[in-house]
Amino acid sequence: MAIDRVPDLKRCRSLGIEPAVIGRARQSKRKAQRVVRKVSEYGMQLKEKQKAKFIYGVLERQFRNYYEKAKTMSGVTGENLLILLERRLDNVVFRLGFANTRRQARQIVTHGHISVNGKRVDIPSALVKAGDVVEVCEKSQSNEFFKAMKETNNALSAPPWLESDQATLKGNVVRFPERTEIDIPVNEQAIIELYSR
């Protein structure tokens, strides 16, 4: 399995996004010394795709598969692509506030701490459906990490398409997200234009 090992802050700086988008609180101490060059249309489209892949922690083949699936769905392809990415289990765990970053959420899911509708799921790319109940497994709730999470209650506010109960570490997928509720700084139309060349 391929792993992306580029430092987060360096990648954020090169893509022009704030580290808060991926859940990082600190800023880079280095000053940006950039020479502003004219970017071609292809370069702009490629940068938008790289932003989306980096934010959600998806590599190229999987991202391409999400595009192909979004293309076959009814509706606007770009919005469908972002909705599919938001429905990933690791992203839902992050949005519910059970993890501080998407990478941490991915690790929590991979280690088997999360259950969906009462069944343990250890696949971060699993897509949740409307009505699914996502919770931390009973065994895992005695873990120091989750105990501290219950006590501090410093969870992000869950988006309107999710209901979060921080006291019991349980969340509910009310419905699929709409484009206006997805707050990532990505121009999805540029991604679609890049893939439809």
Protein backbone atom coordinates (compact mmCIF):
# COMPACT_ATOMS: atom_id res chain seq x y z
CA MET A 1 0.00 0.00 0.00
CA ALA A 2 1.34 3.42 -0.93
CA ILE A 3 1.77 6.01 1.80
CA ASP A 4 2.05 9.76 1.34
CA ARG A 5 4.96 10.91 3.52
CA VAL A 6 5.21 14.57 2.51
CA PRO A 7 5.09 16.85 5.59
CA ASP A 8 1.63 18.38 6.12
CA LEU A 9 2.69 21.99 6.53
CA LYS A 10 4.95 21.87 3.49
CA ARG A 11 2.12 20.47 1.36
CA CYS A 12 -0.33 23.07 2.72
CA ARG A 13 2.08 25.84 1.82
CA SER A 14 2.61 24.53 -1.71
CA LEU A 15 -1.13 24.10 -2.34
CA GLY A 16 -2.04 27.44 -0.78
CA ILE A 17 -4.43 26.10 1.87
CA GLU A 18 -4.62 26.79 5.59
CA PRO A 19 -3.48 23.95 7.90
CA ALA A 20 -6.78 24.31 9.78
CA VAL A 21 -8.57 22.75 6.79
CA ILE A 22 -6.89 19.41 7.48
CA GLY A 23 -7.26 19.80 11.25
CA ARG A 24 -3.78 21.11 12.09
CA ALA A 25 -3.76 23.99 14.57
CA ARG A 26 -0.26 25.31 14.10
CA GLN A 27 1.16 27.38 11.29
CA SER A 28 4.49 26.99 9.55
CA LYS A 29 7.27 29.17 10.94
CA ARG A 30 8.85 29.58 7.54
CA LYS A 31 8.06 32.62 5.49
CA ALA A 32 6.69 32.03 2.05
CA GLN A 33 9.22 33.13 -0.53
CA ARG A 34 7.28 32.58 -3.67
CA VAL A 35 7.86 33.86 -7.13
CA VAL A 36 4.44 34.45 -8.59
CA ARG A 37 4.25 32.87 -12.01
CA LYS A 38 1.38 32.68 -14.38
CA VAL A 39 -0.35 29.33 -13.96
CA SER A 40 -1.85 27.61 -16.98
CA GLU A 41 -5.41 26.31 -16.94
CA TYR A 42 -4.11 22.74 -16.69
CA GLY A 43 -1.87 23.74 -13.77
CA MET A 44 -4.82 25.29 -11.94
CA GLN A 45 -6.97 22.19 -12.51
CA LEU A 46 -4.17 19.90 -11.34
CA LYS A 47 -3.68 21.97 -8.19
CA GLU A 48 -7.40 21.71 -7.34
CA LYS A 49 -7.25 17.93 -7.73
CA GLN A 50 -4.14 17.74 -5.55
CA LYS A 51 -5.87 19.85 -2.88
CA ALA A 52 -8.87 17.50 -2.73
CA LYS A 53 -6.66 14.40 -2.67
CA PHE A 54 -4.50 15.86 0.11
CA ILE A 55 -7.37 17.07 2.28
CA TYR A 56 -9.17 13.72 2.22
CA GLY A 57 -6.00 11.59 2.25
CA VAL A 58 -6.81 9.73 -0.97
CA LEU A 59 -4.29 8.57 -3.56
CA GLU A 60 -4.73 8.81 -7.34
CA ARG A 61 -6.31 5.46 -8.21
CA GLN A 62 -8.93 5.70 -5.47
CA PHE A 63 -9.66 9.32 -6.36
CA ARG A 64 -10.13 8.34 -10.01
CA ASN A 65 -12.56 5.61 -8.94
CA TYR A 66 -14.56 8.16 -6.95
CA TYR A 67 -14.71 10.34 -10.07
CA GLU A 68 -15.96 7.42 -12.19
CA LYS A 69 -18.62 6.63 -9.59
CA ALA A 70 -19.67 10.30 -9.34
CA LYS A 71 -19.98 10.46 -13.13
CA THR A 72 -22.52 7.63 -13.18
CA MET A 73 -24.66 9.14 -10.39
CA SER A 74 -27.52 11.47 -11.20
CA GLY A 75 -26.90 15.17 -10.55
CA VAL A 76 -23.85 17.41 -10.89
CA THR A 77 -20.67 15.33 -11.14
CA GLY A 78 -18.49 17.74 -9.15
CA GLU A 79 -20.91 17.87 -6.24
CA ASN A 80 -21.33 14.09 -6.33
CA LEU A 81 -17.55 13.70 -6.12
CA LEU A 82 -17.30 15.85 -2.99
CA ILE A 83 -20.32 14.14 -1.43
CA LEU A 84 -18.68 10.73 -1.98
CA LEU A 85 -15.48 11.98 -0.35
CA GLU A 86 -17.44 13.39 2.61
CA ARG A 87 -19.23 10.06 3.10
CA ARG A 88 -15.96 8.18 3.73
CA LEU A 89 -15.91 6.68 7.23
CA ASP A 90 -12.63 8.33 8.23
CA ASN A 91 -14.03 11.73 7.23
CA VAL A 92 -17.27 11.11 9.15
CA VAL A 93 -15.27 10.18 12.27
CA PHE A 94 -13.31 13.44 11.86
CA ARG A 95 -16.47 15.49 11.31
CA LEU A 96 -18.14 13.96 14.37
CA GLY A 97 -15.19 15.13 16.47
CA PHE A 98 -13.88 11.69 17.45
CA ALA A 99 -10.46 12.63 16.02
CA ASN A 100 -8.45 15.85 15.64
CA THR A 101 -7.37 15.27 12.04
CA ARG A 102 -8.43 13.06 9.16
CA ARG A 103 -5.18 11.11 9.43
CA GLN A 104 -5.89 10.41 13.08
CA ALA A 105 -9.45 9.40 12.17
CA ARG A 106 -8.08 7.02 9.55
CA GLN A 107 -5.83 5.40 12.15
CA ILE A 108 -8.68 5.10 14.67
CA VAL A 109 -10.83 3.34 12.07
CA THR A 110 -7.97 1.08 10.91
CA HIS A 111 -7.27 -0.02 14.49
CA GLY A 112 -10.88 -1.17 14.84
CA HIS A 113 -12.17 1.39 17.35
CA ILE A 114 -15.23 2.37 15.29
CA SER A 115 -18.46 0.49 14.66
CA VAL A 116 -21.19 1.28 12.15
CA ASN A 117 -24.70 0.07 13.04
CA GLY A 118 -23.21 -2.15 15.77
CA LYS A 119 -20.67 -3.88 13.48
CA ARG A 120 -16.97 -3.15 13.81
CA VAL A 121 -15.56 -1.59 10.64
CA ASP A 122 -11.82 -1.19 10.02
CA ILE A 123 -11.93 0.15 6.44
CA PRO A 124 -11.45 3.95 6.33
CA SER A 125 -12.83 4.24 2.79
CA ALA A 126 -16.16 2.58 3.63
CA LEU A 127 -19.05 4.81 2.58
CA VAL A 128 -21.72 5.57 5.17
CA LYS A 129 -25.39 5.76 4.25
CA ALA A 130 -28.19 7.96 5.58
CA GLY A 131 -29.43 6.56 8.89
CA ASP A 132 -26.14 4.85 9.83
CA VAL A 133 -25.06 5.05 13.48
CA VAL A 134 -21.30 5.58 13.89
CA GLU A 135 -19.89 5.04 17.37
CA VAL A 136 -16.75 4.19 19.28
CA CYS A 137 -16.79 0.49 20.26
CA GLU A 138 -17.53 -0.30 23.91
CA LYS A 139 -14.11 -1.89 24.47
CA SER A 140 -12.37 1.16 23.04
CA GLN A 141 -14.27 3.65 25.21
CA SER A 142 -12.08 2.61 28.17
CA ASN A 143 -9.01 3.73 26.17
CA GLU A 144 -7.25 6.80 27.62
CA PHE A 145 -7.63 8.72 24.36
CA PHE A 146 -11.40 8.36 24.27
CA LYS A 147 -11.75 8.95 28.04
CA ALA A 148 -9.91 12.25 27.63
CA MET A 149 -12.13 13.11 24.66
CA LYS A 150 -15.26 12.59 26.75
CA GLU A 151 -13.92 14.78 29.56
CA THR A 152 -12.59 17.68 27.50
CA ASN A 153 -15.49 17.71 25.02
CA ASN A 154 -13.45 19.83 22.60
CA ALA A 155 -15.12 18.34 19.55
CA LEU A 156 -15.65 20.31 16.40
CA SER A 157 -19.24 21.27 15.84
CA ALA A 158 -20.69 18.56 13.64
CA PRO A 159 -22.13 19.70 10.30
CA PRO A 160 -25.92 19.73 9.90
CA TRP A 161 -25.99 16.39 8.07
CA LEU A 162 -24.54 14.64 11.14
CA GLU A 163 -25.76 14.41 14.74
CA SER A 164 -23.05 13.98 17.37
CA ASP A 165 -23.39 12.92 21.00
CA GLN A 166 -20.00 13.52 22.57
CA ALA A 167 -21.00 12.09 25.96
CA THR A 168 -21.61 8.61 24.55
CA LEU A 169 -19.18 8.98 21.59
CA LYS A 170 -21.94 8.20 19.15
CA GLY A 171 -23.01 9.91 15.94
CA ASN A 172 -25.81 9.56 13.44
CA VAL A 173 -25.78 10.22 9.70
CA VAL A 174 -29.03 12.13 9.21
CA ARG A 175 -28.73 12.61 5.44
CA PHE A 176 -26.14 13.11 2.72
CA PRO A 177 -24.35 16.48 2.71
CA GLU A 178 -25.17 19.27 0.28
CA ARG A 179 -22.45 21.26 -1.50
CA THR A 180 -23.13 24.36 0.63
CA GLU A 181 -22.36 22.32 3.78
CA ILE A 182 -18.96 21.13 2.53
CA ASP A 183 -16.47 23.74 3.67
CA ILE A 184 -13.28 22.68 1.89
CA PRO A 185 -11.64 25.28 -0.41
CA VAL A 186 -11.75 23.24 -3.64
CA ASN A 187 -13.15 24.13 -7.05
CA GLU A 188 -14.68 20.78 -7.99
CA GLN A 189 -15.58 21.94 -11.50
CA ALA A 190 -11.86 22.30 -12.33
CA ILE A 191 -11.31 18.68 -11.24
CA ILE A 192 -14.10 17.48 -13.50
CA GLU A 193 -12.69 19.45 -16.43
CA LEU A 194 -9.26 17.91 -15.81
CA TYR A 195 -10.62 14.36 -15.87
CA SER A 196 -12.89 14.94 -18.86
CA ARG A 197 -9.99 15.98 -21.16
